[in-house]
């Protein structure tokens, strides 16, 4: 729970952008499946326009999935770095005697 609040507090806009791009990617994926289903029952005259729509939707899916994955990965790496720094800081502030007792 702490991690979620940390992400929302420190990466609010990045989190919202990643969330929005994930939603757009999911919706685009569903539209791509619907487009394929539509192309299966289409006649020859409609296939050219459906092909261009398929190309556009494929590019949208690729871009939004890549962007959302990259943003979520960056936030995760930043959170891990924050947790490491917090642990290091706690160890550095602890007394040697306390560390010896905990480690034994």
Protein backbone atom coordinates (compact mmCIF):
# COMPACT_ATOMS: atom_id res chain seq x y z
CA UNK A 1 0.00 0.00 0.00
CA UNK A 2 2.89 2.31 0.82
CA UNK A 3 4.34 1.72 -2.63
CA UNK A 4 1.10 2.69 -4.37
CA UNK A 5 0.87 5.92 -2.37
CA UNK A 6 4.52 6.63 -3.09
CA UNK A 7 3.93 6.20 -6.83
CA UNK A 8 0.83 8.39 -6.76
CA UNK A 9 2.58 11.08 -4.75
CA UNK A 10 5.85 11.22 -6.70
CA UNK A 11 4.85 10.10 -10.18
CA UNK A 12 1.26 11.33 -10.42
CA UNK A 13 1.38 12.48 -14.04
CA UNK A 14 3.51 9.59 -15.23
CA UNK A 15 1.19 7.14 -13.46
CA UNK A 16 -1.90 8.72 -15.04
CA UNK A 17 -0.28 8.76 -18.48
CA UNK A 18 0.75 5.11 -18.15
CA UNK A 19 -2.75 4.20 -16.97
CA UNK A 20 -4.39 6.06 -19.86
CA UNK A 21 -2.08 4.52 -22.45
CA UNK A 22 -2.79 1.08 -21.00
CA UNK A 23 -6.52 1.66 -21.35
CA UNK A 24 -6.10 2.94 -24.91
CA UNK A 25 -3.94 -0.08 -25.71
CA UNK A 26 -6.57 -2.47 -24.39
CA UNK A 27 -9.38 -0.75 -26.28
CA UNK A 28 -7.29 -0.68 -29.44
CA UNK A 29 -6.58 -4.37 -29.06
CA UNK A 30 -10.31 -5.08 -28.80
CA UNK A 31 -10.95 -2.88 -31.85
CA UNK A 32 -8.27 -4.79 -33.73
CA UNK A 33 -10.00 -8.08 -33.01
CA UNK A 34 -13.32 -6.58 -34.09
CA UNK A 35 -11.70 -5.33 -37.28
CA UNK A 36 -10.34 -8.79 -38.06
CA UNK A 37 -13.79 -10.24 -37.45
CA UNK A 38 -15.28 -7.64 -39.77
CA UNK A 39 -12.70 -8.41 -42.47
CA UNK A 40 -13.58 -12.11 -42.40
CA UNK A 41 -17.09 -11.35 -43.59
CA UNK A 42 -16.26 -8.45 -45.92
CA UNK A 43 -16.34 -8.50 -49.69
CA UNK A 44 -13.35 -7.64 -51.88
CA UNK A 45 -14.17 -3.93 -52.22
CA UNK A 46 -14.02 -3.29 -48.47
CA UNK A 47 -10.77 -5.16 -47.85
CA UNK A 48 -8.50 -2.30 -48.95
CA UNK A 49 -10.04 0.18 -46.51
CA UNK A 50 -10.08 -2.46 -43.76
CA UNK A 51 -6.40 -3.10 -44.44
CA UNK A 52 -5.55 0.56 -43.85
CA UNK A 53 -7.65 0.57 -40.68
CA UNK A 54 -5.84 -2.57 -39.57
CA UNK A 55 -2.48 -0.91 -40.18
CA UNK A 56 -3.49 2.19 -38.21
CA UNK A 57 -4.84 0.16 -35.30
CA UNK A 58 -1.73 -2.03 -35.24
CA UNK A 59 0.49 1.04 -34.99
CA UNK A 60 -1.69 2.48 -32.21
CA UNK A 61 -1.54 -0.80 -30.27
CA UNK A 62 2.22 -1.02 -30.71
CA UNK A 63 2.87 2.56 -29.61
CA UNK A 64 0.51 2.59 -26.63
CA UNK A 65 1.66 -0.79 -25.35
CA UNK A 66 5.31 0.22 -25.65
CA UNK A 67 4.74 3.58 -23.98
CA UNK A 68 2.71 2.19 -21.09
CA UNK A 69 5.20 -0.64 -20.49
CA UNK A 70 8.11 1.79 -20.51
CA UNK A 71 6.40 4.19 -18.11
CA UNK A 72 5.38 1.46 -15.68
CA UNK A 73 8.87 -0.04 -15.85
CA UNK A 74 10.47 3.33 -15.11
CA UNK A 75 8.18 3.88 -12.14
CA UNK A 76 8.98 0.40 -10.84
CA UNK A 77 12.71 0.94 -11.15
CA UNK A 78 12.42 4.29 -9.37
CA UNK A 79 10.42 2.68 -6.57
CA UNK A 80 13.03 -0.06 -6.19
CA UNK A 81 15.79 2.54 -6.05
CA UNK A 82 13.86 4.46 -3.41
CA UNK A 83 13.42 1.31 -1.30
CA UNK A 84 17.13 0.49 -1.61
CA UNK A 85 18.12 4.01 -0.57
CA UNK A 86 15.72 3.86 2.35
CA UNK A 87 17.19 0.55 3.50
CA UNK A 88 20.75 1.83 3.14
CA UNK A 89 19.85 4.97 5.10
CA UNK A 90 18.33 2.92 7.92
CA UNK A 91 21.38 0.67 8.08
CA UNK A 92 23.72 3.69 8.06
CA UNK A 93 21.81 5.34 10.93
CA UNK A 94 21.66 2.20 13.07
CA UNK A 95 24.22 1.68 15.80
CA UNK A 96 26.84 -0.99 15.33
CA UNK A 97 25.73 -2.80 18.48
CA UNK A 98 22.15 -2.97 17.22
CA UNK A 99 23.33 -4.34 13.85
CA UNK A 100 25.43 -6.98 15.60
CA UNK A 101 22.45 -8.10 17.68
CA UNK A 102 20.16 -8.28 14.66
CA UNK A 103 22.66 -10.17 12.56
CA UNK A 104 23.48 -12.78 15.17
